[in-house]
Amino acid sequence: MQVFRGFRHPGVAPACALTIGNFDGVHRGHQAMLALLQTEARHRGLPSCVLTFEPHPRDYFAAVTKKPDLAPARIGTLRDKLTELAACGVDQTIVLPFDGRLASQSPEAFIQNVLIDGLGARYVLVGDDFRFGAKRAGDYAMLDAAGEARGFDVARMNSYEVHGLRVSSSAVREALAEGRMADAHTLLGRPYTISGHVVHGRKLGRALGASQPGKDDGFRTLNLRFKHWKPAASGIFAVLVHGLADQPLPGVANLGVRPSLDANDVNGGRVLLETHCLEWPSHLGAEGAYGKIVRVELLHKLHDELRYTSLEALTAGIAKDGRDARAFFASTHAETHRQTTRDRI
C-alpha cells in the first residue's frame, strides 16, 4: 500500500475508487466497507483509495476551542491504522492534515478541490452518517447530487452489526474504556493491539525486583509510545508480544502515564505502553530490544493504573500483576485444552 501525506504528489493515482473517514481502529464495519470498495474498484479497473485525516477533526476542534473533552479517545496510532488498512488490501491511503484551511472549506470546495482535482475520484463510498465541509454542512444527498452532475458514482453503506450490535469506533472505545477486551475483539475482528518501536526509558524496571543489589535482572520492560494523549484503553493488562521471538511471548503491560513515577522523567507526560515479558528472551540481553518494532496484544485487563507510595510497594504491585497474568494464561490454556478435548469426542 502506498501512503501519501496530502495528495499533491506525483505518485498519487490520477483516478481512484475512494472512501473517506477517520478509520480509528479499522473495526469490522470499516473492514466491510473496505471489502466493498475493493470490489467496486476492481469492477472499474481503478486503484482503491482511503482518504483519512490526522489529526482527527475532533482533536483539531478540541485544541482550537481549548475544550479537551471534545477530543475522542484514540483507539489506535496512525501506524496501526495504516497497518490494518494495508491488511485490508487498500492500494493507496492519503493522510490529509486536518487544519484551519480544511476545516473552513465549504462542502462544494471540498468536492472540487479534494475529490475531483486532488484525487480524481470516479467512485466514492461513504458511511450512513457521513458529513463533510465547514460546519459539517455537506451530507450524502449533496455528495450524490454532485456526483451525478460531475460524473462520479456515489454509494452509501449502512451500519454494520454483529449479534445485533452496531459496530462503530464509539462502541470499540466504550468496550476498551470498560476493560471489556473480549467485546473489543468481537468488534474489531481481532485482538486489540498496539505496535511501535521500543524506546528507552529510565531503566528503572530492571532494578526493581532484581535478584540482588546492582543486578539488572528485574522487571525489564519494552516501552512503546502511544502517540496520542488520550488512549481508549488504560490500565494493567495480560498481553502477548510479537516480534521478539519465533512465538508470541506472554507478558504484563501498563498502558498509561505511570502515576507512581516522576512526571519529569525521560518519558514524562507521555502515554506509554510498558510491557514486561514473563520470560525475557535471553538472546536479547539487556539492550537488544531497543529500536525493534513489536506488536502487543492486550488480551485481558487486570485493573486500572494504581499510584504506589514507594518503590517497594511498586515492586510488590508489579510482582502481583505478573502472578495474575500467569494465572490468566494458565486458565486460558486449560480452557483451550478442554475445548479441544470436547471437539475430539
C-alpha atoms as a PDB file:
ATOM      1  CA  MET A   1       0.000   0.000   0.000  1.00  0.00           C
ATOM      2  CA  GLN A   2       1.280   3.451  -0.903  1.00  0.00           C
ATOM      3  CA  VAL A   3       0.882   6.168   1.708  1.00  0.00           C
ATOM      4  CA  PHE A   4       0.934   9.883   0.943  1.00  0.00           C
ATOM      5  CA  ARG A   5       0.671  12.878   3.242  1.00  0.00           C
ATOM      6  CA  GLY A   6      -1.590  15.081   1.197  1.00  0.00           C
ATOM      7  CA  PHE A   7      -2.461  14.474  -2.425  1.00  0.00           C
ATOM      8  CA  ARG A   8      -0.026  16.793  -4.214  1.00  0.00           C
ATOM      9  CA  HIS A   9       2.489  14.076  -5.055  1.00  0.00           C
ATOM     10  CA  PRO A  10       3.422  12.648  -8.461  1.00  0.00           C
ATOM     11  CA  GLY A  11       2.902   9.102  -7.228  1.00  0.00           C
ATOM     12  CA  VAL A  12      -0.786   9.609  -6.353  1.00  0.00           C
ATOM     13  CA  ALA A  13      -3.009   7.695  -8.787  1.00  0.00           C
ATOM     14  CA  PRO A  14      -4.723  10.023 -11.295  1.00  0.00           C
ATOM     15  CA  ALA A  15      -8.097   8.337 -10.699  1.00  0.00           C
ATOM     16  CA  CYS A  16      -9.434   6.087  -7.956  1.00  0.00           C
ATOM     17  CA  ALA A  17     -12.309   4.425  -6.157  1.00  0.00           C
ATOM     18  CA  LEU A  18     -12.422   6.303  -2.860  1.00  0.00           C
ATOM     19  CA  THR A  19     -13.746   6.061   0.654  1.00  0.00           C
ATOM     20  CA  ILE A  20     -13.416   8.771   3.287  1.00  0.00           C
ATOM     21  CA  GLY A  21     -13.229   8.542   7.063  1.00  0.00           C
ATOM     22  CA  ASN A  22     -11.140   8.552  10.221  1.00  0.00           C
ATOM     23  CA  PHE A  23     -10.991   4.731  10.388  1.00  0.00           C
ATOM     24  CA  ASP A  24      -9.928   4.746  14.032  1.00  0.00           C
ATOM     25  CA  GLY A  25      -9.453   1.100  14.964  1.00  0.00           C
ATOM     26  CA  VAL A  26     -10.293  -0.211  11.455  1.00  0.00           C
ATOM     27  CA  HIS A  27     -13.080  -2.285  13.024  1.00  0.00           C
ATOM     28  CA  ARG A  28     -15.350  -4.827  11.341  1.00  0.00           C
ATOM     29  CA  GLY A  29     -17.650  -2.131   9.976  1.00  0.00           C
ATOM     30  CA  HIS A  30     -14.657  -0.448   8.360  1.00  0.00           C
ATOM     31  CA  GLN A  31     -13.469  -3.805   7.053  1.00  0.00           C
ATOM     32  CA  ALA A  32     -16.842  -4.474   5.397  1.00  0.00           C
ATOM     33  CA  MET A  33     -16.720  -1.045   3.776  1.00  0.00           C
ATOM     34  CA  LEU A  34     -13.193  -1.620   2.512  1.00  0.00           C
ATOM     35  CA  ALA A  35     -14.185  -5.008   1.071  1.00  0.00           C
ATOM     36  CA  LEU A  36     -16.988  -3.330  -0.871  1.00  0.00           C
ATOM     37  CA  LEU A  37     -14.571  -0.615  -2.006  1.00  0.00           C
ATOM     38  CA  GLN A  38     -12.178  -3.275  -3.310  1.00  0.00           C
ATOM     39  CA  THR A  39     -14.963  -4.944  -5.287  1.00  0.00           C
ATOM     40  CA  GLU A  40     -16.109  -1.681  -6.857  1.00  0.00           C
ATOM     41  CA  ALA A  41     -12.528  -0.665  -7.639  1.00  0.00           C
ATOM     42  CA  ARG A  42     -11.860  -3.956  -9.457  1.00  0.00           C
ATOM     43  CA  HIS A  43     -15.065  -3.634 -11.492  1.00  0.00           C
ATOM     44  CA  ARG A  44     -13.951  -0.200 -12.633  1.00  0.00           C
ATOM     45  CA  GLY A  45     -10.287  -1.034 -13.157  1.00  0.00           C
ATOM     46  CA  LEU A  46      -9.277   1.568 -10.569  1.00  0.00           C
ATOM     47  CA  PRO A  47      -6.978   1.548  -7.553  1.00  0.00           C
ATOM     48  CA  SER A  48      -8.742   1.635  -4.180  1.00  0.00           C
ATOM     49  CA  CYS A  49      -8.016   4.699  -2.086  1.00  0.00           C
ATOM     50  CA  VAL A  50      -8.692   5.726   1.513  1.00  0.00           C
ATOM     51  CA  LEU A  51      -8.762   9.388   2.464  1.00  0.00           C
ATOM     52  CA  THR A  52      -8.204   9.813   6.194  1.00  0.00           C
ATOM     53  CA  PHE A  53      -7.266  12.696   8.467  1.00  0.00           C
ATOM     54  CA  GLU A  54      -4.536  13.412  11.001  1.00  0.00           C
ATOM     55  CA  PRO A  55      -5.170  14.842  13.478  1.00  0.00           C
ATOM     56  CA  HIS A  56      -8.712  13.600  13.962  1.00  0.00           C
ATOM     57  CA  PRO A  57     -11.040  16.530  13.146  1.00  0.00           C
ATOM     58  CA  ARG A  58     -12.404  16.472  16.693  1.00  0.00           C
ATOM     59  CA  ASP A  59      -8.831  16.689  18.031  1.00  0.00           C
ATOM     60  CA  TYR A  60      -8.371  19.833  15.962  1.00  0.00           C
ATOM     61  CA  PHE A  61     -11.555  21.477  17.235  1.00  0.00           C
ATOM     62  CA  ALA A  62     -10.763  20.464  20.816  1.00  0.00           C
ATOM     63  CA  ALA A  63      -7.423  22.256  20.543  1.00  0.00           C
ATOM     64  CA  VAL A  64      -8.842  25.346  18.830  1.00  0.00           C
ATOM     65  CA  THR A  65     -11.664  25.771  21.341  1.00  0.00           C
ATOM     66  CA  LYS A  66      -9.485  24.708  24.306  1.00  0.00           C
ATOM     67  CA  LYS A  67     -12.074  22.058  25.187  1.00  0.00           C
ATOM     68  CA  PRO A  68     -10.106  18.806  25.504  1.00  0.00           C
ATOM     69  CA  ASP A  69     -13.255  16.841  26.293  1.00  0.00           C
ATOM     70  CA  LEU A  70     -14.302  17.266  22.653  1.00  0.00           C
ATOM     71  CA  ALA A  71     -11.424  15.045  21.540  1.00  0.00           C
ATOM     72  CA  PRO A  72     -12.315  11.363  21.181  1.00  0.00           C
ATOM     73  CA  ALA A  73     -10.246   8.741  22.944  1.00  0.00           C
ATOM     74  CA  ARG A  74      -7.904   7.250  20.346  1.00  0.00           C
ATOM     75  CA  ILE A  75      -8.187   3.532  19.624  1.00  0.00           C
ATOM     76  CA  GLY A  76      -5.055   3.175  17.550  1.00  0.00           C
ATOM     77  CA  THR A  77      -1.994   5.072  16.443  1.00  0.00           C
ATOM     78  CA  LEU A  78      -1.519   6.191  12.849  1.00  0.00           C
ATOM     79  CA  ARG A  79       0.981   3.346  12.407  1.00  0.00           C
ATOM     80  CA  ASP A  80      -1.589   0.764  13.464  1.00  0.00           C
ATOM     81  CA  LYS A  81      -4.303   2.324  11.310  1.00  0.00           C
ATOM     82  CA  LEU A  82      -2.093   2.172   8.216  1.00  0.00           C
ATOM     83  CA  THR A  83      -1.064  -1.409   9.006  1.00  0.00           C
ATOM     84  CA  GLU A  84      -4.697  -2.518   9.182  1.00  0.00           C
ATOM     85  CA  LEU A  85      -5.675  -0.610   6.037  1.00  0.00           C
ATOM     86  CA  ALA A  86      -2.862  -2.367   4.184  1.00  0.00           C
ATOM     87  CA  ALA A  87      -4.036  -5.726   5.552  1.00  0.00           C
ATOM     88  CA  CYS A  88      -7.471  -4.974   4.061  1.00  0.00           C
ATOM     89  CA  GLY A  89      -5.913  -4.687   0.591  1.00  0.00           C
ATOM     90  CA  VAL A  90      -6.137  -0.909   0.117  1.00  0.00           C
ATOM     91  CA  ASP A  91      -3.931   0.293  -2.748  1.00  0.00           C
ATOM     92  CA  GLN A  92      -3.235   3.810  -1.516  1.00  0.00           C
ATOM     93  CA  THR A  93      -4.009   5.925   1.544  1.00  0.00           C
ATOM     94  CA  ILE A  94      -3.974   9.701   1.624  1.00  0.00           C
ATOM     95  CA  VAL A  95      -3.364  11.156   5.089  1.00  0.00           C
ATOM     96  CA  LEU A  96      -4.712  14.681   4.866  1.00  0.00           C
ATOM     97  CA  PRO A  97      -3.646  17.136   7.578  1.00  0.00           C
ATOM     98  CA  PHE A  98      -6.777  18.497   9.237  1.00  0.00           C
ATOM     99  CA  ASP A  99      -6.136  22.192   9.819  1.00  0.00           C
ATOM    100  CA  GLY A 100      -7.930  25.521   9.745  1.00  0.00           C
ATOM    101  CA  ARG A 101      -7.852  25.719   5.982  1.00  0.00           C
ATOM    102  CA  LEU A 102      -9.540  22.354   5.558  1.00  0.00           C
ATOM    103  CA  ALA A 103     -11.969  22.995   8.416  1.00  0.00           C
ATOM    104  CA  SER A 104     -13.207  26.203   6.781  1.00  0.00           C
ATOM    105  CA  GLN A 105     -13.568  24.746   3.285  1.00  0.00           C
ATOM    106  CA  SER A 106     -17.143  24.647   2.027  1.00  0.00           C
ATOM    107  CA  PRO A 107     -18.624  21.278   1.009  1.00  0.00           C
ATOM    108  CA  GLU A 108     -18.636  22.380  -2.634  1.00  0.00           C
ATOM    109  CA  ALA A 109     -14.967  23.398  -2.459  1.00  0.00           C
ATOM    110  CA  PHE A 110     -14.070  20.084  -0.783  1.00  0.00           C
ATOM    111  CA  ILE A 111     -15.733  18.151  -3.594  1.00  0.00           C
ATOM    112  CA  GLN A 112     -13.951  20.174  -6.280  1.00  0.00           C
ATOM    113  CA  ASN A 113     -10.526  20.662  -4.703  1.00  0.00           C
ATOM    114  CA  VAL A 114     -10.058  17.323  -2.940  1.00  0.00           C
ATOM    115  CA  LEU A 115     -12.284  14.699  -4.549  1.00  0.00           C
ATOM    116  CA  ILE A 116     -12.155  15.813  -8.184  1.00  0.00           C
ATOM    117  CA  ASP A 117      -8.983  17.858  -8.722  1.00  0.00           C
ATOM    118  CA  GLY A 118      -6.898  16.232  -5.999  1.00  0.00           C
ATOM    119  CA  LEU A 119      -7.834  12.558  -6.175  1.00  0.00           C
ATOM    120  CA  GLY A 120      -9.703  12.073  -9.450  1.00  0.00           C
ATOM    121  CA  ALA A 121     -12.453  10.151  -7.678  1.00  0.00           C
ATOM    122  CA  ARG A 122     -14.618   8.089 -10.026  1.00  0.00           C
ATOM    123  CA  TYR A 123     -16.464   6.265  -7.257  1.00  0.00           C
ATOM    124  CA  VAL A 124     -16.998   7.491  -3.690  1.00  0.00           C
ATOM    125  CA  LEU A 125     -18.219   5.229  -0.881  1.00  0.00           C
ATOM    126  CA  VAL A 126     -19.234   6.757   2.459  1.00  0.00           C
ATOM    127  CA  GLY A 127     -20.920   5.679   5.668  1.00  0.00           C
ATOM    128  CA  ASP A 128     -24.532   6.329   6.518  1.00  0.00           C
ATOM    129  CA  ASP A 129     -23.642   9.202   8.879  1.00  0.00           C
ATOM    130  CA  PHE A 130     -21.091  10.908   6.618  1.00  0.00           C
ATOM    131  CA  ARG A 131     -20.819  14.702   6.886  1.00  0.00           C
ATOM    132  CA  PHE A 132     -18.204  16.979   5.374  1.00  0.00           C
ATOM    133  CA  GLY A 133     -17.183  20.581   4.779  1.00  0.00           C
ATOM    134  CA  ALA A 134     -17.299  23.635   7.017  1.00  0.00           C
ATOM    135  CA  LYS A 135     -19.761  23.236   9.895  1.00  0.00           C
ATOM    136  CA  ARG A 136     -20.449  19.708   8.619  1.00  0.00           C
ATOM    137  CA  ALA A 137     -22.848  21.237   6.123  1.00  0.00           C
ATOM    138  CA  GLY A 138     -22.282  18.590   3.443  1.00  0.00           C
ATOM    139  CA  ASP A 139     -24.195  15.307   3.550  1.00  0.00           C
ATOM    140  CA  TYR A 140     -24.818  12.248   1.401  1.00  0.00           C
ATOM    141  CA  ALA A 141     -27.577  13.910  -0.638  1.00  0.00           C
ATOM    142  CA  MET A 142     -25.280  16.805  -1.565  1.00  0.00           C
ATOM    143  CA  LEU A 143     -22.440  14.439  -2.464  1.00  0.00           C
ATOM    144  CA  ASP A 144     -24.753  12.248  -4.547  1.00  0.00           C
ATOM    145  CA  ALA A 145     -26.098  15.251  -6.459  1.00  0.00           C
ATOM    146  CA  ALA A 146     -22.548  16.465  -7.112  1.00  0.00           C
ATOM    147  CA  GLY A 147     -21.559  13.025  -8.373  1.00  0.00           C
ATOM    148  CA  GLU A 148     -24.452  12.935 -10.807  1.00  0.00           C
ATOM    149  CA  ALA A 149     -23.599  16.412 -12.074  1.00  0.00           C
ATOM    150  CA  ARG A 150     -19.803  15.916 -12.196  1.00  0.00           C
ATOM    151  CA  GLY A 151     -19.577  12.339 -13.443  1.00  0.00           C
ATOM    152  CA  PHE A 152     -18.596  10.185 -10.451  1.00  0.00           C
ATOM    153  CA  ASP A 153     -20.606   7.461  -8.732  1.00  0.00           C
ATOM    154  CA  VAL A 154     -21.594   7.788  -5.084  1.00  0.00           C
ATOM    155  CA  ALA A 155     -22.679   4.980  -2.771  1.00  0.00           C
ATOM    156  CA  ARG A 156     -23.589   4.748   0.900  1.00  0.00           C
ATOM    157  CA  MET A 157     -23.063   1.783   3.199  1.00  0.00           C
ATOM    158  CA  ASN A 158     -25.450   1.219   6.070  1.00  0.00           C
ATOM    159  CA  SER A 159     -24.394   0.352   9.595  1.00  0.00           C
ATOM    160  CA  TYR A 160     -22.678  -2.990  10.163  1.00  0.00           C
ATOM    161  CA  GLU A 161     -23.944  -5.138  13.019  1.00  0.00           C
ATOM    162  CA  VAL A 162     -22.538  -8.105  14.934  1.00  0.00           C
ATOM    163  CA  HIS A 163     -25.049 -10.039  17.061  1.00  0.00           C
ATOM    164  CA  GLY A 164     -27.440  -7.097  16.823  1.00  0.00           C
ATOM    165  CA  LEU A 165     -24.782  -4.594  17.994  1.00  0.00           C
ATOM    166  CA  ARG A 166     -23.914  -1.701  15.684  1.00  0.00           C
ATOM    167  CA  VAL A 167     -20.178  -1.759  15.104  1.00  0.00           C
ATOM    168  CA  SER A 168     -18.622   1.675  15.446  1.00  0.00           C
ATOM    169  CA  SER A 169     -15.479   3.315  16.731  1.00  0.00           C
ATOM    170  CA  SER A 170     -17.556   4.644  19.629  1.00  0.00           C
ATOM    171  CA  ALA A 171     -18.584   1.101  20.587  1.00  0.00           C
ATOM    172  CA  VAL A 172     -14.945  -0.026  20.459  1.00  0.00           C
ATOM    173  CA  ARG A 173     -13.875   2.923  22.616  1.00  0.00           C
ATOM    174  CA  GLU A 174     -16.558   2.107  25.160  1.00  0.00           C
ATOM    175  CA  ALA A 175     -15.507  -1.545  25.355  1.00  0.00           C
ATOM    176  CA  LEU A 176     -11.839  -0.602  25.802  1.00  0.00           C
ATOM    177  CA  ALA A 177     -12.619   2.055  28.414  1.00  0.00           C
ATOM    178  CA  GLU A 178     -14.548  -0.534  30.428  1.00  0.00           C
ATOM    179  CA  GLY A 179     -11.868  -3.206  30.032  1.00  0.00           C
ATOM    180  CA  ARG A 180     -14.154  -5.492  28.007  1.00  0.00           C
ATOM    181  CA  MET A 181     -11.349  -6.839  25.843  1.00  0.00           C
ATOM    182  CA  ALA A 182     -13.359  -9.807  24.525  1.00  0.00           C
ATOM    183  CA  ASP A 183     -16.062  -7.409  23.304  1.00  0.00           C
ATOM    184  CA  ALA A 184     -13.420  -5.191  21.704  1.00  0.00           C
ATOM    185  CA  HIS A 185     -12.050  -8.301  19.981  1.00  0.00           C
ATOM    186  CA  THR A 186     -15.521  -9.069  18.603  1.00  0.00           C
ATOM    187  CA  LEU A 187     -15.988  -5.525  17.303  1.00  0.00           C
ATOM    188  CA  LEU A 188     -12.512  -5.304  15.807  1.00  0.00           C
ATOM    189  CA  GLY A 189     -12.450  -8.845  14.430  1.00  0.00           C
ATOM    190  CA  ARG A 190      -9.020  -9.329  16.027  1.00  0.00           C
ATOM    191  CA  PRO A 191      -7.325  -8.801  19.395  1.00  0.00           C
ATOM    192  CA  TYR A 192      -6.736  -5.175  20.326  1.00  0.00           C
ATOM    193  CA  THR A 193      -3.100  -4.416  19.549  1.00  0.00           C
ATOM    194  CA  ILE A 194      -0.613  -1.566  19.793  1.00  0.00           C
ATOM    195  CA  SER A 195       2.653  -1.581  17.866  1.00  0.00           C
ATOM    196  CA  GLY A 196       5.731   0.606  17.666  1.00  0.00           C
ATOM    197  CA  HIS A 197       9.453   0.948  18.174  1.00  0.00           C
ATOM    198  CA  VAL A 198      10.864   0.019  21.560  1.00  0.00           C
ATOM    199  CA  VAL A 199      12.214   3.232  23.089  1.00  0.00           C
ATOM    200  CA  HIS A 200      14.489   3.973  26.027  1.00  0.00           C
ATOM    201  CA  GLY A 201      13.115   4.836  29.446  1.00  0.00           C
ATOM    202  CA  ARG A 202      14.669   5.303  32.873  1.00  0.00           C
ATOM    203  CA  LYS A 203      15.536   1.597  33.003  1.00  0.00           C
ATOM    204  CA  LEU A 204      14.083   1.563  36.499  1.00  0.00           C
ATOM    205  CA  GLY A 205      12.169  -1.678  35.993  1.00  0.00           C
ATOM    206  CA  ARG A 206      15.275  -3.819  35.595  1.00  0.00           C
ATOM    207  CA  ALA A 207      16.420  -2.712  39.064  1.00  0.00           C
ATOM    208  CA  LEU A 208      13.043  -3.328  40.675  1.00  0.00           C
ATOM    209  CA  GLY A 209      12.769  -6.938  41.740  1.00  0.00           C
ATOM    210  CA  ALA A 210      16.410  -7.671  40.857  1.00  0.00           C
ATOM    211  CA  SER A 211      17.880 -10.865  42.274  1.00  0.00           C
ATOM    212  CA  GLN A 212      20.410  -8.795  44.247  1.00  0.00           C
ATOM    213  CA  PRO A 213      21.522  -5.145  44.520  1.00  0.00           C
ATOM    214  CA  GLY A 214      23.361  -3.952  41.434  1.00  0.00           C
ATOM    215  CA  LYS A 215      21.841  -6.599  39.171  1.00  0.00           C
ATOM    216  CA  ASP A 216      19.634  -5.554  36.273  1.00  0.00           C
ATOM    217  CA  ASP A 217      17.629  -8.780  36.018  1.00  0.00           C
ATOM    218  CA  GLY A 218      14.408  -7.415  37.498  1.00  0.00           C
ATOM    219  CA  PHE A 219      11.304  -6.285  35.617  1.00  0.00           C
ATOM    220  CA  ARG A 220      12.752  -5.300  32.259  1.00  0.00           C
ATOM    221  CA  THR A 221      10.152  -3.541  30.150  1.00  0.00           C
ATOM    222  CA  LEU A 222       9.542  -2.847  26.473  1.00  0.00           C
ATOM    223  CA  ASN A 223       8.451   0.781  26.188  1.00  0.00           C
ATOM    224  CA  LEU A 224       6.236   1.852  23.276  1.00  0.00           C
ATOM    225  CA  ARG A 225       4.975   5.417  22.946  1.00  0.00           C
ATOM    226  CA  PHE A 226       1.269   5.761  22.251  1.00  0.00           C
ATOM    227  CA  LYS A 227       1.363   8.948  20.193  1.00  0.00           C
ATOM    228  CA  HIS A 228      -1.860  10.437  21.457  1.00  0.00           C
ATOM    229  CA  TRP A 229      -2.587  11.914  24.863  1.00  0.00           C
ATOM    230  CA  LYS A 230      -5.941  10.167  25.265  1.00  0.00           C
ATOM    231  CA  PRO A 231      -5.851   6.385  24.642  1.00  0.00           C
ATOM    232  CA  ALA A 232      -9.153   4.499  24.569  1.00  0.00           C
ATOM    233  CA  ALA A 233      -7.747   1.826  26.893  1.00  0.00           C
ATOM    234  CA  SER A 234      -5.682   2.247  30.034  1.00  0.00           C
ATOM    235  CA  GLY A 235      -4.547   0.142  32.961  1.00  0.00           C
ATOM    236  CA  ILE A 236      -2.724  -3.125  33.521  1.00  0.00           C
ATOM    237  CA  PHE A 237      -3.188  -5.988  31.047  1.00  0.00           C
ATOM    238  CA  ALA A 238      -2.162  -9.555  30.332  1.00  0.00           C
ATOM    239  CA  VAL A 239      -0.618  -9.366  26.876  1.00  0.00           C
ATOM    240  CA  LEU A 240       1.125 -11.263  24.115  1.00  0.00           C
ATOM    241  CA  VAL A 241       4.215  -9.719  22.493  1.00  0.00           C
ATOM    242  CA  HIS A 242       5.017 -10.374  18.842  1.00  0.00           C
ATOM    243  CA  GLY A 243       8.280  -9.569  17.088  1.00  0.00           C
ATOM    244  CA  LEU A 244      10.943 -10.657  19.559  1.00  0.00           C
ATOM    245  CA  ALA A 245      10.887 -14.429  19.170  1.00  0.00           C
ATOM    246  CA  ASP A 246       9.506 -17.157  16.914  1.00  0.00           C
ATOM    247  CA  GLN A 247       6.466 -17.456  19.163  1.00  0.00           C
ATOM    248  CA  PRO A 248       4.437 -14.722  20.884  1.00  0.00           C
ATOM    249  CA  LEU A 249       5.663 -14.034  24.410  1.00  0.00           C
ATOM    250  CA  PRO A 250       3.244 -13.714  27.336  1.00  0.00           C
ATOM    251  CA  GLY A 251       3.622 -10.614  29.435  1.00  0.00           C
ATOM    252  CA  VAL A 252       2.016  -7.999  31.635  1.00  0.00           C
ATOM    253  CA  ALA A 253       1.735  -4.399  30.496  1.00  0.00           C
ATOM    254  CA  ASN A 254       0.873  -0.947  31.803  1.00  0.00           C
ATOM    255  CA  LEU A 255      -0.816   1.444  29.363  1.00  0.00           C
ATOM    256  CA  GLY A 256      -0.979   4.966  30.717  1.00  0.00           C
ATOM    257  CA  VAL A 257       1.059   7.707  32.360  1.00  0.00           C
ATOM    258  CA  ARG A 258       2.662   5.750  35.240  1.00  0.00           C
ATOM    259  CA  PRO A 259       1.292   7.803  38.190  1.00  0.00           C
ATOM    260  CA  SER A 260       3.794   6.352  40.670  1.00  0.00           C
ATOM    261  CA  LEU A 261       6.815   7.764  38.816  1.00  0.00           C
ATOM    262  CA  ASP A 262       8.314  11.218  38.479  1.00  0.00           C
ATOM    263  CA  ALA A 263       6.425  13.170  35.820  1.00  0.00           C
ATOM    264  CA  ASN A 264       9.727  14.783  34.782  1.00  0.00           C
ATOM    265  CA  ASP A 265      11.453  11.548  33.767  1.00  0.00           C
ATOM    266  CA  VAL A 266      12.632  10.858  30.202  1.00  0.00           C
ATOM    267  CA  ASN A 267       9.115   9.889  29.077  1.00  0.00           C
ATOM    268  CA  GLY A 268       7.290  12.176  31.469  1.00  0.00           C
ATOM    269  CA  GLY A 269       3.888  13.363  30.327  1.00  0.00           C
ATOM    270  CA  ARG A 270       3.675  10.823  27.517  1.00  0.00           C
ATOM    271  CA  VAL A 271       1.396   7.839  27.321  1.00  0.00           C
ATOM    272  CA  LEU A 272       3.485   4.670  27.304  1.00  0.00           C
ATOM    273  CA  LEU A 273       2.761   1.011  26.883  1.00  0.00           C
ATOM    274  CA  GLU A 274       5.302  -0.640  29.196  1.00  0.00           C
ATOM    275  CA  THR A 275       5.430  -4.406  28.787  1.00  0.00           C
ATOM    276  CA  HIS A 276       7.259  -6.892  30.979  1.00  0.00           C
ATOM    277  CA  CYS A 277       7.733 -10.265  29.281  1.00  0.00           C
ATOM    278  CA  LEU A 278       7.142 -13.010  31.820  1.00  0.00           C
ATOM    279  CA  GLU A 279      10.080 -14.879  30.300  1.00  0.00           C
ATOM    280  CA  TRP A 280      12.629 -12.404  28.929  1.00  0.00           C
ATOM    281  CA  PRO A 281      14.247 -13.690  25.687  1.00  0.00           C
ATOM    282  CA  SER A 282      17.829 -14.493  26.631  1.00  0.00           C
ATOM    283  CA  HIS A 283      19.145 -13.728  23.135  1.00  0.00           C
ATOM    284  CA  LEU A 284      18.209 -10.052  23.580  1.00  0.00           C
ATOM    285  CA  GLY A 285      20.347  -9.449  26.618  1.00  0.00           C
ATOM    286  CA  ALA A 286      19.655  -6.216  28.492  1.00  0.00           C
ATOM    287  CA  GLU A 287      19.754  -3.883  25.478  1.00  0.00           C
ATOM    288  CA  GLY A 288      18.783  -5.959  22.455  1.00  0.00           C
ATOM    289  CA  ALA A 289      15.131  -4.923  22.167  1.00  0.00           C
ATOM    290  CA  TYR A 290      15.676  -1.186  21.659  1.00  0.00           C
ATOM    291  CA  GLY A 291      14.691   0.022  18.208  1.00  0.00           C
ATOM    292  CA  LYS A 292      12.805  -3.140  17.310  1.00  0.00           C
ATOM    293  CA  ILE A 293       9.199  -2.913  16.143  1.00  0.00           C
ATOM    294  CA  VAL A 294       6.950  -5.052  18.317  1.00  0.00           C
ATOM    295  CA  ARG A 295       3.220  -5.671  18.362  1.00  0.00           C
ATOM    296  CA  VAL A 296       1.476  -6.098  21.708  1.00  0.00           C
ATOM    297  CA  GLU A 297      -1.941  -7.758  22.006  1.00  0.00           C
ATOM    298  CA  LEU A 298      -3.910  -6.576  25.044  1.00  0.00           C
ATOM    299  CA  LEU A 299      -5.936  -9.657  25.955  1.00  0.00           C
ATOM    300  CA  HIS A 300      -7.276  -9.197  29.472  1.00  0.00           C
ATOM    301  CA  LYS A 301      -7.467  -6.218  31.803  1.00  0.00           C
ATOM    302  CA  LEU A 302      -6.230  -6.900  35.318  1.00  0.00           C
ATOM    303  CA  HIS A 303      -7.006  -3.494  36.877  1.00  0.00           C
ATOM    304  CA  ASP A 304      -6.747   0.270  36.442  1.00  0.00           C
ATOM    305  CA  GLU A 305      -3.468   2.097  36.968  1.00  0.00           C
ATOM    306  CA  LEU A 306      -2.589   2.453  40.640  1.00  0.00           C
ATOM    307  CA  ARG A 307      -0.476   5.010  42.459  1.00  0.00           C
ATOM    308  CA  TYR A 308       2.070   3.350  44.744  1.00  0.00           C
ATOM    309  CA  THR A 309       3.563   5.264  47.654  1.00  0.00           C
ATOM    310  CA  SER A 310       7.057   3.767  47.413  1.00  0.00           C
ATOM    311  CA  LEU A 311       9.333   1.794  45.109  1.00  0.00           C
ATOM    312  CA  GLU A 312       8.914  -1.168  47.453  1.00  0.00           C
ATOM    313  CA  ALA A 313       5.148  -1.037  47.042  1.00  0.00           C
ATOM    314  CA  LEU A 314       5.554  -0.619  43.269  1.00  0.00           C
ATOM    315  CA  THR A 315       7.816  -3.677  43.148  1.00  0.00           C
ATOM    316  CA  ALA A 316       5.284  -5.750  45.079  1.00  0.00           C
ATOM    317  CA  GLY A 317       2.496  -4.497  42.808  1.00  0.00           C
ATOM    318  CA  ILE A 318       4.370  -5.445  39.631  1.00  0.00           C
ATOM    319  CA  ALA A 319       5.141  -8.875  41.058  1.00  0.00           C
ATOM    320  CA  LYS A 320       1.461  -9.449  41.852  1.00  0.00           C
ATOM    321  CA  ASP A 321       0.457  -8.319  38.361  1.00  0.00           C
ATOM    322  CA  GLY A 322       2.919 -10.847  36.937  1.00  0.00           C
ATOM    323  CA  ARG A 323       1.387 -13.631  39.019  1.00  0.00           C
ATOM    324  CA  ASP A 324      -2.111 -12.627  37.956  1.00  0.00           C
ATOM    325  CA  ALA A 325      -1.069 -12.562  34.291  1.00  0.00           C
ATOM    326  CA  ARG A 326       0.442 -16.045  34.631  1.00  0.00           C
ATOM    327  CA  ALA A 327      -2.812 -17.247  36.190  1.00  0.00           C
ATOM    328  CA  PHE A 328      -4.772 -15.776  33.258  1.00  0.00           C
ATOM    329  CA  PHE A 329      -2.602 -17.559  30.697  1.00  0.00           C
ATOM    330  CA  ALA A 330      -2.800 -20.803  32.662  1.00  0.00           C
ATOM    331  CA  SER A 331      -6.608 -20.636  32.770  1.00  0.00           C
ATOM    332  CA  THR A 332      -6.758 -19.765  29.062  1.00  0.00           C
ATOM    333  CA  HIS A 333      -4.540 -22.734  28.229  1.00  0.00           C
ATOM    334  CA  ALA A 334      -6.674 -25.022  30.376  1.00  0.00           C
ATOM    335  CA  GLU A 335      -9.881 -23.822  28.686  1.00  0.00           C
ATOM    336  CA  THR A 336      -8.336 -24.326  25.236  1.00  0.00           C
ATOM    337  CA  HIS A 337      -7.341 -27.859  26.230  1.00  0.00           C
ATOM    338  CA  ARG A 338     -10.874 -28.603  27.490  1.00  0.00           C
ATOM    339  CA  GLN A 339     -12.414 -27.284  24.276  1.00  0.00           C
ATOM    340  CA  THR A 340     -10.019 -29.335  22.158  1.00  0.00           C
ATOM    341  CA  THR A 341     -10.909 -32.452  24.174  1.00  0.00           C
ATOM    342  CA  ARG A 342     -14.651 -31.794  23.709  1.00  0.00           C
ATOM    343  CA  ASP A 343     -14.163 -31.327  19.966  1.00  0.00           C
ATOM    344  CA  ARG A 344     -12.441 -34.705  19.714  1.00  0.00           C
ATOM    345  CA  ILE A 345     -15.232 -36.564  21.493  1.00  0.00           C
END
